[in-house]
Amino acid sequence: MDLTALTLSAGVVALAEMGDKTQLLSLMLAARYPRQALAIIAGIFVATIANHACAALLGHWLTTMVSPDVMRWILGLSFLGIGLWLLVPDHIDDVAGSKAVDRVFQVFLLTTGLFFLAEMGDKTQIATIALGARYDDVISVTMGTTLGMMLANAPAVWIGQKFTKRVPIKWVHVVAAITFIAIGLATLIWA
């Protein structure tokens, strides 16, 4: 275990995550599913490990298969889609007869998928690729970058959960939707 690689990776990613779109996604998911904090955190963890462990290979493959302009359009339209999706009322917690375990699993899968996609081409994924190239111990780098993501995003889930108790959920959804739509438009307009 390379402690330098682990601690540097954790610090770099934790700092890079501050105010990042995935931290906003953590807040949004916590606001949308306030009783599912553990499922959200577990989804963030699984998505981060999967994404960061594959970052170097996937990053290389994407750059050989998809131009930066195409990737920008994919990301920009994805953010617009998430923003519009936030405006649609969700009934995952209102499904009659649905078991609590099913809801937890649904939120876990949703979080895992969204986080994995949100990390594509993100600065923390690029940092993971660079750290993987710098240090031979890919496991230490992956553990460190995952720790950094958790340090930045787990508190965002807890804050988002507390925030929704004081602010109407409809307003939280509208603000989050506007933010994601703005990020999507900025991604499409400014390269």
Protein backbone atom coordinates (compact mmCIF):
# COMPACT_ATOMS: atom_id res chain seq x y z
CA MET A 1 0.00 0.00 0.00
CA ASP A 2 1.44 3.33 -1.10
CA LEU A 3 0.33 5.79 1.61
CA THR A 4 1.59 8.77 -0.38
CA ALA A 5 -0.56 7.79 -3.36
CA LEU A 6 -3.54 7.13 -1.10
CA THR A 7 -3.39 10.37 0.90
CA LEU A 8 -2.52 12.58 -2.07
CA SER A 9 -5.32 11.01 -4.12
CA ALA A 10 -7.83 11.50 -1.30
CA GLY A 11 -6.83 15.12 -0.76
CA VAL A 12 -6.80 16.06 -4.43
CA VAL A 13 -10.21 14.56 -5.11
CA ALA A 14 -11.83 15.90 -1.91
CA LEU A 15 -10.71 19.41 -2.81
CA ALA A 16 -11.67 19.03 -6.48
CA GLU A 17 -15.16 17.86 -5.46
CA MET A 18 -16.01 21.01 -3.51
CA GLY A 19 -18.84 22.65 -5.44
CA ASP A 20 -18.59 20.08 -8.23
CA LYS A 21 -21.61 18.74 -10.10
CA THR A 22 -21.45 15.40 -8.28
CA GLN A 23 -21.60 17.19 -4.94
CA LEU A 24 -24.67 19.02 -6.25
CA LEU A 25 -26.03 15.64 -7.36
CA SER A 26 -25.52 14.36 -3.79
CA LEU A 27 -27.53 17.28 -2.43
CA MET A 28 -30.24 16.80 -5.04
CA LEU A 29 -30.61 13.07 -4.37
CA ALA A 30 -30.74 13.65 -0.62
CA ALA A 31 -33.41 16.30 -1.12
CA ARG A 32 -35.40 14.06 -3.44
CA TYR A 33 -35.10 10.94 -1.25
CA PRO A 34 -34.62 12.23 2.31
CA ARG A 35 -35.25 8.83 3.95
CA GLN A 36 -32.72 7.03 1.76
CA ALA A 37 -29.42 8.60 2.86
CA LEU A 38 -27.63 5.28 3.37
CA ALA A 39 -28.75 3.98 -0.04
CA ILE A 40 -27.48 7.21 -1.64
CA ILE A 41 -24.12 7.04 0.13
CA ALA A 42 -23.75 3.35 -0.80
CA GLY A 43 -24.56 4.22 -4.42
CA ILE A 44 -21.98 7.01 -4.42
CA PHE A 45 -19.39 4.60 -3.02
CA VAL A 46 -20.05 1.81 -5.54
CA ALA A 47 -20.21 4.22 -8.48
CA THR A 48 -16.98 5.92 -7.44
CA ILE A 49 -15.06 2.68 -7.07
CA ALA A 50 -16.34 1.41 -10.42
CA ASN A 51 -15.68 4.70 -12.18
CA HIS A 52 -12.27 5.43 -10.71
CA ALA A 53 -11.02 1.86 -11.04
CA CYS A 54 -11.89 1.97 -14.74
CA ALA A 55 -10.98 5.62 -15.30
CA ALA A 56 -7.71 5.10 -17.16
CA LEU A 57 -9.04 2.44 -19.53
CA LEU A 58 -12.38 4.10 -20.11
CA GLY A 59 -10.80 7.52 -20.55
CA HIS A 60 -8.41 6.16 -23.13
CA TRP A 61 -11.17 4.36 -24.99
CA LEU A 62 -13.50 7.39 -25.04
CA THR A 63 -10.83 9.71 -26.39
CA THR A 64 -10.11 7.29 -29.23
CA MET A 65 -13.79 6.70 -30.03
CA VAL A 66 -15.50 10.03 -29.33
CA SER A 67 -14.26 13.50 -30.18
CA PRO A 68 -14.15 16.14 -27.44
CA ASP A 69 -16.96 18.02 -29.21
CA VAL A 70 -19.21 14.96 -29.24
CA MET A 71 -18.41 14.30 -25.57
CA ARG A 72 -19.29 17.92 -24.74
CA TRP A 73 -22.68 17.51 -26.44
CA ILE A 74 -23.35 14.23 -24.64
CA LEU A 75 -22.52 15.76 -21.26
CA GLY A 76 -24.39 19.01 -21.96
CA LEU A 77 -27.55 17.21 -23.06
CA SER A 78 -27.27 14.85 -20.09
CA PHE A 79 -27.23 17.79 -17.68
CA LEU A 80 -30.22 19.34 -19.43
CA GLY A 81 -32.02 15.99 -19.15
CA ILE A 82 -31.27 15.70 -15.43
CA GLY A 83 -32.45 19.28 -14.91
CA LEU A 84 -35.73 18.62 -16.73
CA TRP A 85 -36.14 15.30 -14.93
CA LEU A 86 -35.93 17.14 -11.60
CA LEU A 87 -39.05 19.07 -12.54
CA VAL A 88 -41.08 15.85 -12.89
CA PRO A 89 -42.63 14.76 -9.59
CA ASP A 90 -41.22 11.48 -8.40
CA HIS A 91 -43.38 8.89 -6.73
CA ILE A 92 -40.78 6.34 -5.68
CA ASP A 93 -41.72 6.75 -2.01
CA ASP A 94 -45.45 6.87 -2.77
CA VAL A 95 -45.83 3.57 -4.63
CA ALA A 96 -48.64 1.68 -2.91
CA GLY A 97 -47.68 -1.78 -1.78
CA SER A 98 -44.01 -1.24 -2.56
CA LYS A 99 -41.66 -2.75 0.00
CA ALA A 100 -39.17 -0.52 1.80
CA VAL A 101 -36.32 -2.76 0.58
CA ASP A 102 -37.44 -2.23 -3.02
CA ARG A 103 -37.37 1.56 -2.57
CA VAL A 104 -33.91 1.44 -0.99
CA PHE A 105 -32.65 -0.71 -3.87
CA GLN A 106 -34.24 1.62 -6.46
CA VAL A 107 -32.57 4.68 -4.92
CA PHE A 108 -29.26 2.79 -4.66
CA LEU A 109 -29.39 1.83 -8.37
CA LEU A 110 -30.44 5.34 -9.40
CA THR A 111 -27.61 6.92 -7.40
CA THR A 112 -25.04 4.44 -8.71
CA GLY A 113 -26.05 5.05 -12.33
CA LEU A 114 -26.25 8.82 -12.06
CA PHE A 115 -22.95 9.11 -10.22
CA PHE A 116 -21.14 6.82 -12.63
CA LEU A 117 -22.37 8.92 -15.58
CA ALA A 118 -21.78 12.26 -13.85
CA GLU A 119 -18.15 11.31 -13.23
CA MET A 120 -17.52 10.66 -16.93
CA GLY A 121 -15.06 13.30 -18.10
CA ASP A 122 -15.22 15.04 -14.73
CA LYS A 123 -12.15 16.69 -13.24
CA THR A 124 -11.94 14.02 -10.53
CA GLN A 125 -11.96 11.27 -13.15
CA ILE A 126 -9.20 13.08 -15.04
CA ALA A 127 -7.30 13.52 -11.76
CA THR A 128 -7.65 9.78 -11.15
CA ILE A 129 -6.21 9.04 -14.57
CA ALA A 130 -3.28 11.38 -13.90
CA LEU A 131 -2.68 9.92 -10.42
CA GLY A 132 -2.84 6.40 -11.84
CA ALA A 133 -0.19 7.39 -14.36
CA ARG A 134 1.96 8.97 -11.62
CA TYR A 135 1.83 6.12 -9.08
CA ASP A 136 2.33 2.42 -9.74
CA ASP A 137 -0.10 1.36 -7.01
CA VAL A 138 -3.45 1.69 -8.79
CA ILE A 139 -5.29 0.20 -5.80
CA SER A 140 -3.96 2.94 -3.49
CA VAL A 141 -4.94 5.59 -6.04
CA THR A 142 -8.44 4.12 -6.43
CA MET A 143 -8.88 3.84 -2.66
CA GLY A 144 -7.62 7.40 -2.18
CA THR A 145 -9.80 8.96 -4.87
CA THR A 146 -12.82 7.03 -3.57
CA LEU A 147 -12.08 8.25 -0.03
CA GLY A 148 -11.84 11.82 -1.35
CA MET A 149 -15.21 11.49 -3.10
CA MET A 150 -16.81 10.13 0.05
CA LEU A 151 -15.30 12.92 2.20
CA ALA A 152 -16.85 15.50 -0.11
CA ASN A 153 -20.17 13.85 -0.95
CA ALA A 154 -21.34 11.96 2.16
CA PRO A 155 -21.65 15.21 4.16
CA ALA A 156 -23.54 16.73 1.22
CA VAL A 157 -26.11 13.93 1.54
CA TRP A 158 -26.59 14.60 5.25
CA ILE A 159 -26.79 18.37 4.67
CA GLY A 160 -29.29 17.88 1.85
CA GLN A 161 -31.39 15.66 4.08
CA LYS A 162 -31.47 18.29 6.87
CA PHE A 163 -32.04 21.11 4.37
CA THR A 164 -35.26 19.57 3.04
CA LYS A 165 -36.77 19.59 6.51
CA ARG A 166 -36.60 23.41 6.52
CA VAL A 167 -37.28 24.27 2.88
CA PRO A 168 -40.22 23.02 0.77
CA ILE A 169 -39.07 20.13 -1.42
CA LYS A 170 -40.66 21.74 -4.48
CA TRP A 171 -38.28 24.71 -4.17
CA VAL A 172 -35.29 22.40 -3.71
CA HIS A 173 -36.24 20.59 -6.94
CA VAL A 174 -36.69 23.86 -8.84
CA VAL A 175 -33.33 25.27 -7.69
CA ALA A 176 -31.55 21.97 -8.45
CA ALA A 177 -33.26 21.78 -11.87
CA ILE A 178 -32.24 25.35 -12.76
CA THR A 179 -28.67 24.62 -11.66
CA PHE A 180 -28.39 21.44 -13.77
CA ILE A 181 -29.98 23.15 -16.79
CA ALA A 182 -27.50 26.04 -16.41
CA ILE A 183 -24.58 23.58 -16.23
CA GLY A 184 -25.93 21.81 -19.33
CA LEU A 185 -26.27 25.06 -21.27
CA ALA A 186 -22.83 26.24 -20.17
CA THR A 187 -21.35 22.92 -21.28
CA LEU A 188 -23.00 23.24 -24.70
CA ILE A 189 -22.18 26.93 -25.19
CA TRP A 190 -18.65 27.19 -23.76
CA ALA A 191 -16.23 24.45 -24.61
